[in-house]
Amino acid sequence: MGKLKRIGLGLLVLAIIGTASAFTWSLVPAQADASRPDPTVVHANKLGANDHPFRESYFEYAGHSLHYVEAGEGDLVLFIHGFPSYWFSFIRQMEALKSDYRVVAIDGLAAGKSDAPLDVDAYKLKNMAAHVHALIDHLGAKKVHIVGHDWGATFAFGFAQRYPDRVASVTGLSAPPQNALLNLLRFDPALRKTSDYIERLKKANPLLIIALGGDKQVWKGAFQPLVEKGYLTVKEGEIFRKPTGNAKRIDAHINWYRANIPAFDAIEDKDFWPSRDARLTMASQIIWGENDRVFAKEYAAAATAAADDMRILPLKDVGHWPQFERPEIVTEAIARLIAENVARD
């Protein structure tokens, strides 16, 4: 009996040590090895036009490093991905535009090879915008054309509202500005129900993500359908699987929601960024798929009401990834808006 007790006590100690180790592991930020080339960049250069190769760099600001990929020369077109994704989500548009423009796509905080700080405040839109604003200065551009998808669209619109003198045009795919989104969530019960996944996401943590197979859920929910429908090649699907399947990075990426979307019944005027009544004063457009289960048509209407010059491009039989599902149409719309609003100093 004494021997069994000792065995039981030993197993308990091991369990405690294992739990403590797992908890400690979850508190260590995900790290990216900047000394190693991004394999996605290597792949993109194998398939793309060799006269304008993609190259990667890092830019540090306020103690956090952003990884970005660029190609080409000319007016700067800045691409910002959403959740769950990274810079490669705009590869179709970058490849098509790099012969005429300088295209730059960032890995947002927690995505790809950028830093993934544990501090939730680092992910507040105002702080990420300050980082991107400093990056634009670093790149030597006076004005940019900014393009975003999902959270990247919310960010792009907000950046254009906050820094209108630095933005020549803005295109958002599959998401509205943050101030339009919060205003709708504040008062519309139907849209709250559509967006209740946000509250579920915010409760995640690395250990829970692993336990629930969050990496597999990201793959099955976002990228596997695109492969099965032929919008992504099998190789491209695998390229997305690893960078978006890290439990620590998934959890850190969710900080975009934690930092900027309060509980729906607790939204206050101070939560709107850059402000509740901020407008888009430059040429802008919003592109969305009519089959998108996340995007509601009310978002487009709200964005239009808060813009001086907003175009709306709904796409029939398209879901949440217009840049892959209808790449030519999306690229043409972006190129048209850029051409009509050439950046001027």
Protein backbone atom coordinates (compact mmCIF):
# COMPACT_ATOMS: atom_id res chain seq x y z
CA MET A 1 0.00 0.00 0.00
CA GLY A 2 2.86 2.35 0.89
CA LYS A 3 4.47 1.67 -2.47
CA LEU A 4 1.24 2.54 -4.29
CA LYS A 5 1.02 5.79 -2.34
CA ARG A 6 4.58 6.66 -3.30
CA ILE A 7 3.80 5.93 -6.96
CA GLY A 8 0.66 8.03 -6.77
CA LEU A 9 2.55 10.87 -5.12
CA GLY A 10 5.24 10.66 -7.79
CA LEU A 11 2.66 10.83 -10.56
CA LEU A 12 1.04 13.83 -8.88
CA VAL A 13 4.39 15.63 -8.65
CA LEU A 14 5.08 14.90 -12.32
CA ALA A 15 1.63 16.20 -13.26
CA ILE A 16 2.23 19.40 -11.30
CA ILE A 17 5.64 19.88 -12.89
CA GLY A 18 4.20 19.23 -16.35
CA THR A 19 1.35 21.68 -15.80
CA ALA A 20 3.72 24.33 -14.48
CA SER A 21 6.07 23.80 -17.44
CA ALA A 22 3.20 24.07 -19.92
CA PHE A 23 1.96 27.25 -18.26
CA THR A 24 5.47 28.74 -18.30
CA TRP A 25 5.83 27.79 -21.97
CA SER A 26 2.59 29.61 -22.77
CA LEU A 27 4.01 32.81 -21.24
CA VAL A 28 7.09 32.87 -23.47
CA PRO A 29 6.49 34.92 -26.66
CA ALA A 30 6.73 33.16 -30.02
CA GLN A 31 10.06 33.88 -31.69
CA ALA A 32 10.99 34.14 -35.36
CA ASP A 33 14.51 33.49 -36.62
CA ALA A 34 15.39 36.61 -38.60
CA SER A 35 18.66 35.03 -39.73
CA ARG A 36 16.83 32.52 -41.90
CA PRO A 37 15.15 33.53 -45.17
CA ASP A 38 11.37 33.42 -45.24
CA PRO A 39 10.60 30.24 -47.25
CA THR A 40 7.47 31.93 -48.60
CA VAL A 41 9.60 34.67 -50.18
CA VAL A 42 11.83 32.01 -51.71
CA HIS A 43 8.76 30.25 -53.14
CA ALA A 44 7.27 33.50 -54.47
CA ASN A 45 10.49 34.30 -56.32
CA LYS A 46 10.60 30.87 -57.92
CA LEU A 47 7.16 31.35 -59.44
CA GLY A 48 7.03 35.09 -60.09
CA ALA A 49 8.60 37.45 -62.60
CA ASN A 50 12.35 37.57 -62.02
CA ASP A 51 12.77 41.19 -63.10
CA HIS A 52 11.17 42.41 -59.85
CA PRO A 53 12.13 39.89 -57.15
CA PHE A 54 10.60 39.92 -53.70
CA ARG A 55 12.91 40.79 -50.83
CA GLU A 56 12.32 40.80 -47.09
CA SER A 57 13.33 43.20 -44.32
CA TYR A 58 12.56 44.05 -40.70
CA PHE A 59 11.65 47.37 -39.12
CA GLU A 60 11.74 47.96 -35.39
CA TYR A 61 9.71 50.61 -33.60
CA ALA A 62 8.85 51.00 -29.91
CA GLY A 63 10.67 47.77 -29.15
CA HIS A 64 8.76 45.60 -31.63
CA SER A 65 9.96 44.34 -35.01
CA LEU A 66 7.76 44.07 -38.12
CA HIS A 67 8.72 41.74 -40.95
CA TYR A 68 7.80 42.99 -44.41
CA VAL A 69 8.21 41.88 -48.01
CA GLU A 70 8.57 44.20 -50.99
CA ALA A 71 9.19 44.34 -54.72
CA GLY A 72 9.20 46.87 -57.54
CA GLU A 73 9.58 50.63 -57.71
CA GLY A 74 7.33 53.67 -57.91
CA ASP A 75 4.34 54.77 -55.83
CA LEU A 76 4.10 52.74 -52.63
CA VAL A 77 1.22 50.27 -52.30
CA LEU A 78 1.03 48.88 -48.77
CA PHE A 79 -0.81 45.59 -48.11
CA ILE A 80 -2.06 44.53 -44.69
CA HIS A 81 -3.42 41.03 -44.10
CA GLY A 82 -6.13 39.93 -41.68
CA PHE A 83 -6.70 37.11 -39.22
CA PRO A 84 -5.67 34.34 -39.61
CA SER A 85 -3.06 35.12 -42.24
CA TYR A 86 0.22 36.84 -43.03
CA TRP A 87 1.87 38.79 -45.88
CA PHE A 88 1.38 36.05 -48.51
CA SER A 89 -2.40 36.62 -48.53
CA PHE A 90 -1.89 39.37 -51.15
CA ILE A 91 0.58 37.51 -53.36
CA ARG A 92 -1.73 37.62 -56.43
CA GLN A 93 -2.08 41.39 -56.25
CA MET A 94 1.57 42.01 -55.43
CA GLU A 95 2.73 39.88 -58.35
CA ALA A 96 0.40 41.70 -60.73
CA LEU A 97 1.28 45.23 -59.55
CA LYS A 98 5.02 45.00 -58.82
CA SER A 99 6.06 45.89 -62.37
CA ASP A 100 4.37 49.31 -62.02
CA TYR A 101 4.54 50.08 -58.30
CA ARG A 102 6.56 49.46 -55.19
CA VAL A 103 4.48 46.85 -53.39
CA VAL A 104 5.06 46.20 -49.69
CA ALA A 105 3.22 43.68 -47.51
CA ILE A 106 3.76 43.51 -43.77
CA ASP A 107 3.40 40.70 -41.30
CA GLY A 108 1.33 42.37 -38.60
CA LEU A 109 2.31 41.86 -34.98
CA ALA A 110 2.03 38.13 -34.08
CA ALA A 111 1.83 37.10 -37.74
CA GLY A 112 4.43 35.48 -39.97
CA LYS A 113 7.93 36.49 -38.89
CA SER A 114 7.03 39.65 -36.96
CA ASP A 115 7.30 39.92 -33.18
CA ALA A 116 4.46 38.52 -31.09
CA PRO A 117 4.52 40.53 -27.83
CA LEU A 118 2.45 39.32 -24.88
CA ASP A 119 1.37 42.86 -23.98
CA VAL A 120 -2.16 43.34 -25.33
CA ASP A 121 -1.70 47.12 -25.52
CA ALA A 122 0.87 46.62 -28.28
CA TYR A 123 -2.00 45.51 -30.52
CA LYS A 124 -4.15 48.58 -30.06
CA LEU A 125 -4.84 50.11 -33.43
CA LYS A 126 -3.28 53.43 -32.46
CA ASN A 127 -0.02 51.71 -31.51
CA MET A 128 0.13 49.50 -34.59
CA ALA A 129 -0.71 52.52 -36.74
CA ALA A 130 2.15 54.49 -35.23
CA HIS A 131 4.47 51.60 -36.13
CA VAL A 132 3.23 51.51 -39.73
CA HIS A 133 3.42 55.30 -39.97
CA ALA A 134 7.07 55.10 -38.92
CA LEU A 135 7.63 52.31 -41.46
CA ILE A 136 6.27 54.51 -44.25
CA ASP A 137 8.74 57.21 -43.20
CA HIS A 138 11.47 54.57 -43.20
CA LEU A 139 10.51 53.55 -46.73
CA GLY A 140 10.81 57.18 -47.84
CA ALA A 141 7.21 57.63 -49.06
CA LYS A 142 5.19 60.79 -48.59
CA LYS A 143 1.90 59.10 -49.45
CA VAL A 144 0.78 55.52 -49.87
CA HIS A 145 -2.03 53.52 -51.38
CA ILE A 146 -3.12 51.18 -48.62
CA VAL A 147 -4.94 47.86 -49.10
CA GLY A 148 -6.22 45.60 -46.34
CA HIS A 149 -8.19 42.39 -45.89
CA ASP A 150 -10.32 41.40 -42.88
CA TRP A 151 -8.62 42.94 -39.82
CA GLY A 152 -6.17 44.47 -42.25
CA ALA A 153 -9.07 46.33 -43.88
CA THR A 154 -10.29 47.57 -40.51
CA PHE A 155 -6.73 48.74 -39.85
CA ALA A 156 -6.29 50.27 -43.32
CA PHE A 157 -9.47 52.33 -43.07
CA GLY A 158 -8.58 53.47 -39.54
CA PHE A 159 -5.05 54.38 -40.61
CA ALA A 160 -6.46 56.47 -43.46
CA GLN A 161 -8.83 58.21 -41.03
CA ARG A 162 -5.99 58.93 -38.61
CA TYR A 163 -3.34 59.95 -41.16
CA PRO A 164 -5.27 61.34 -44.17
CA ASP A 165 -2.30 63.37 -45.34
CA ARG A 166 -0.29 60.16 -45.83
CA VAL A 167 -2.89 58.15 -47.78
CA ALA A 168 -3.64 58.64 -51.48
CA SER A 169 -6.25 55.87 -51.65
CA VAL A 170 -7.52 53.04 -49.47
CA THR A 171 -9.09 49.70 -50.37
CA GLY A 172 -10.65 47.40 -47.80
CA LEU A 173 -11.68 43.79 -48.41
CA SER A 174 -14.23 41.97 -46.27
CA ALA A 175 -14.31 44.35 -43.27
CA PRO A 176 -15.35 47.93 -42.42
CA PRO A 177 -13.55 50.65 -40.42
CA GLN A 178 -13.34 49.94 -36.69
CA ASN A 179 -15.50 52.93 -35.78
CA ALA A 180 -18.26 51.81 -38.19
CA LEU A 181 -18.04 48.25 -36.85
CA LEU A 182 -18.28 49.29 -33.20
CA ASN A 183 -21.17 51.63 -33.88
CA LEU A 184 -23.15 48.80 -35.46
CA LEU A 185 -22.25 46.27 -32.76
CA ARG A 186 -23.25 48.80 -30.13
CA PHE A 187 -26.86 48.98 -31.27
CA ASP A 188 -27.69 46.12 -33.68
CA PRO A 189 -28.65 42.79 -31.99
CA ALA A 190 -28.62 40.88 -35.30
CA LEU A 191 -25.06 41.94 -36.07
CA ARG A 192 -24.02 41.10 -32.53
CA LYS A 193 -25.21 37.56 -33.15
CA THR A 194 -23.30 37.39 -36.45
CA SER A 195 -20.14 38.56 -34.68
CA ASP A 196 -20.41 36.53 -31.48
CA TYR A 197 -17.40 34.47 -32.62
CA ILE A 198 -15.27 37.43 -31.53
CA GLU A 199 -16.10 36.89 -27.86
CA ARG A 200 -15.30 33.19 -28.17
CA LEU A 201 -11.94 33.97 -29.77
CA LYS A 202 -11.00 36.40 -27.02
CA LYS A 203 -11.27 33.64 -24.39
CA ALA A 204 -8.57 31.51 -26.02
CA ASN A 205 -5.05 30.84 -24.76
CA PRO A 206 -2.15 28.80 -26.22
CA LEU A 207 -2.85 25.69 -24.13
CA LEU A 208 -6.56 25.78 -24.94
CA ILE A 209 -5.79 26.30 -28.62
CA ILE A 210 -3.62 23.19 -28.60
CA ALA A 211 -6.16 21.17 -26.62
CA LEU A 212 -8.96 22.08 -29.03
CA GLY A 213 -6.86 21.62 -32.15
CA GLY A 214 -6.96 25.31 -33.00
CA ASP A 215 -4.22 24.96 -35.61
CA LYS A 216 -6.29 22.37 -37.47
CA GLN A 217 -9.39 24.53 -37.15
CA VAL A 218 -7.58 27.47 -38.75
CA TRP A 219 -6.51 25.26 -41.64
CA LYS A 220 -9.94 23.66 -42.12
CA GLY A 221 -11.86 26.89 -41.71
CA ALA A 222 -9.74 29.26 -43.77
CA PHE A 223 -7.36 27.59 -46.21
CA GLN A 224 -8.44 24.02 -46.90
CA PRO A 225 -11.67 25.19 -48.62
CA LEU A 226 -9.63 27.50 -50.86
CA VAL A 227 -7.42 24.57 -51.88
CA GLU A 228 -10.39 22.28 -52.47
CA LYS A 229 -12.05 24.88 -54.71
CA GLY A 230 -8.86 25.51 -56.66
CA TYR A 231 -8.29 29.08 -55.47
CA LEU A 232 -5.01 28.03 -53.85
CA THR A 233 -2.64 25.38 -55.13
CA VAL A 234 -1.82 22.47 -52.83
CA LYS A 235 1.64 23.98 -52.35
CA GLU A 236 0.16 27.36 -51.42
CA GLY A 237 -2.16 25.68 -48.95
CA GLU A 238 0.85 24.13 -47.23
CA ILE A 239 2.60 27.50 -47.28
CA PHE A 240 -0.27 28.93 -45.25
CA ARG A 241 -0.59 25.96 -42.89
CA LYS A 242 2.59 26.33 -40.83
CA PRO A 243 2.80 30.13 -40.36
CA THR A 244 -0.87 30.28 -39.30
CA GLY A 245 -0.81 27.10 -37.20
CA ASN A 246 1.43 28.11 -34.29
CA ALA A 247 -0.65 28.11 -31.08
CA LYS A 248 1.27 30.98 -29.50
CA ARG A 249 0.96 33.12 -32.62
CA ILE A 250 -2.73 32.31 -33.00
CA ASP A 251 -3.32 33.44 -29.43
CA ALA A 252 -1.19 36.59 -29.86
CA HIS A 253 -2.91 37.39 -33.15
CA ILE A 254 -6.27 37.26 -31.33
CA ASN A 255 -4.96 40.23 -29.35
CA TRP A 256 -6.06 42.33 -32.33
CA TYR A 257 -9.60 41.56 -31.15
CA ARG A 258 -8.88 41.76 -27.42
CA ALA A 259 -7.26 45.18 -27.76
CA ASN A 260 -9.82 46.79 -30.06
CA ILE A 261 -13.24 45.14 -29.72
CA PRO A 262 -14.76 45.45 -26.22
CA ALA A 263 -17.64 43.30 -25.04
CA PHE A 264 -20.55 44.43 -27.19
CA ASP A 265 -22.65 45.66 -24.28
CA ALA A 266 -19.69 47.61 -22.87
CA ILE A 267 -18.75 49.68 -25.94
CA GLU A 268 -18.14 53.34 -25.09
CA ASP A 269 -17.15 56.37 -27.14
CA LYS A 270 -13.54 56.06 -25.92
CA ASP A 271 -13.27 52.67 -27.64
CA PHE A 272 -13.69 54.09 -31.15
CA TRP A 273 -10.49 54.64 -33.14
CA PRO A 274 -9.44 57.12 -34.26
CA SER A 275 -12.81 58.52 -33.12
CA ARG A 276 -16.48 57.70 -33.41
CA ASP A 277 -17.06 60.30 -36.13
CA ALA A 278 -13.80 59.98 -38.08
CA ARG A 279 -14.31 60.02 -41.85
CA LEU A 280 -12.48 58.82 -44.93
CA THR A 281 -11.64 61.92 -46.93
CA MET A 282 -9.59 60.29 -49.72
CA ALA A 283 -10.73 58.00 -52.54
CA SER A 284 -11.73 54.68 -51.00
CA GLN A 285 -13.44 51.42 -51.84
CA ILE A 286 -14.77 48.38 -50.05
CA ILE A 287 -14.80 44.96 -51.74
CA TRP A 288 -16.74 42.07 -50.27
CA GLY A 289 -18.14 38.68 -51.19
CA GLU A 290 -21.89 38.23 -51.06
CA ASN A 291 -21.39 34.73 -49.59
CA ASP A 292 -19.12 35.98 -46.82
CA ARG A 293 -20.45 34.63 -43.51
CA VAL A 294 -18.50 37.25 -41.52
CA PHE A 295 -19.17 40.41 -43.53
CA ALA A 296 -22.67 41.91 -43.41
CA LYS A 297 -23.99 44.30 -46.06
CA GLU A 298 -24.69 46.79 -43.26
CA TYR A 299 -20.94 47.18 -42.88
CA ALA A 300 -20.60 48.48 -46.44
CA ALA A 301 -23.45 50.93 -45.94
CA ALA A 302 -21.94 52.20 -42.68
CA ALA A 303 -18.52 52.62 -44.31
CA THR A 304 -20.06 54.53 -47.21
CA ALA A 305 -21.91 56.86 -44.86
CA ALA A 306 -18.60 57.73 -43.19
CA ALA A 307 -16.69 58.45 -46.42
CA ASP A 308 -16.51 61.36 -48.85
CA ASP A 309 -15.71 59.17 -51.87
CA MET A 310 -16.48 55.48 -51.31
CA ARG A 311 -16.99 52.83 -53.96
CA ILE A 312 -18.64 49.52 -53.15
CA LEU A 313 -17.82 46.34 -55.07
CA PRO A 314 -19.93 43.34 -54.00
CA LEU A 315 -18.86 40.07 -55.65
CA LYS A 316 -21.41 37.37 -56.38
CA ASP A 317 -20.61 33.77 -55.37
CA VAL A 318 -17.57 34.95 -53.39
CA GLY A 319 -16.82 34.30 -49.73
CA HIS A 320 -14.35 35.87 -47.32
CA TRP A 321 -11.25 35.80 -49.57
CA PRO A 322 -11.94 37.93 -52.67
CA GLN A 323 -8.22 38.35 -53.38
CA PHE A 324 -8.00 34.59 -54.04
CA GLU A 325 -11.52 33.85 -55.25
CA ARG A 326 -11.60 36.68 -57.81
CA PRO A 327 -7.98 37.87 -58.01
CA GLU A 328 -8.23 39.55 -61.41
CA ILE A 329 -11.29 41.60 -60.45
CA VAL A 330 -9.78 42.64 -57.13
CA THR A 331 -6.44 43.56 -58.70
CA GLU A 332 -8.15 45.56 -61.44
CA ALA A 333 -10.22 47.49 -58.88
CA ILE A 334 -7.13 48.29 -56.81
CA ALA A 335 -5.12 49.30 -59.88
CA ARG A 336 -7.92 51.54 -61.14
CA LEU A 337 -8.24 53.38 -57.84
CA ILE A 338 -4.48 53.85 -57.64
CA ALA A 339 -4.23 55.14 -61.22
CA GLU A 340 -7.00 57.64 -60.61
CA ASN A 341 -5.37 58.91 -57.43
CA VAL A 342 -1.65 59.12 -58.15
CA ALA A 343 0.21 60.01 -54.98
CA ARG A 344 1.35 63.63 -55.00
CA ASP A 345 3.68 65.25 -52.50
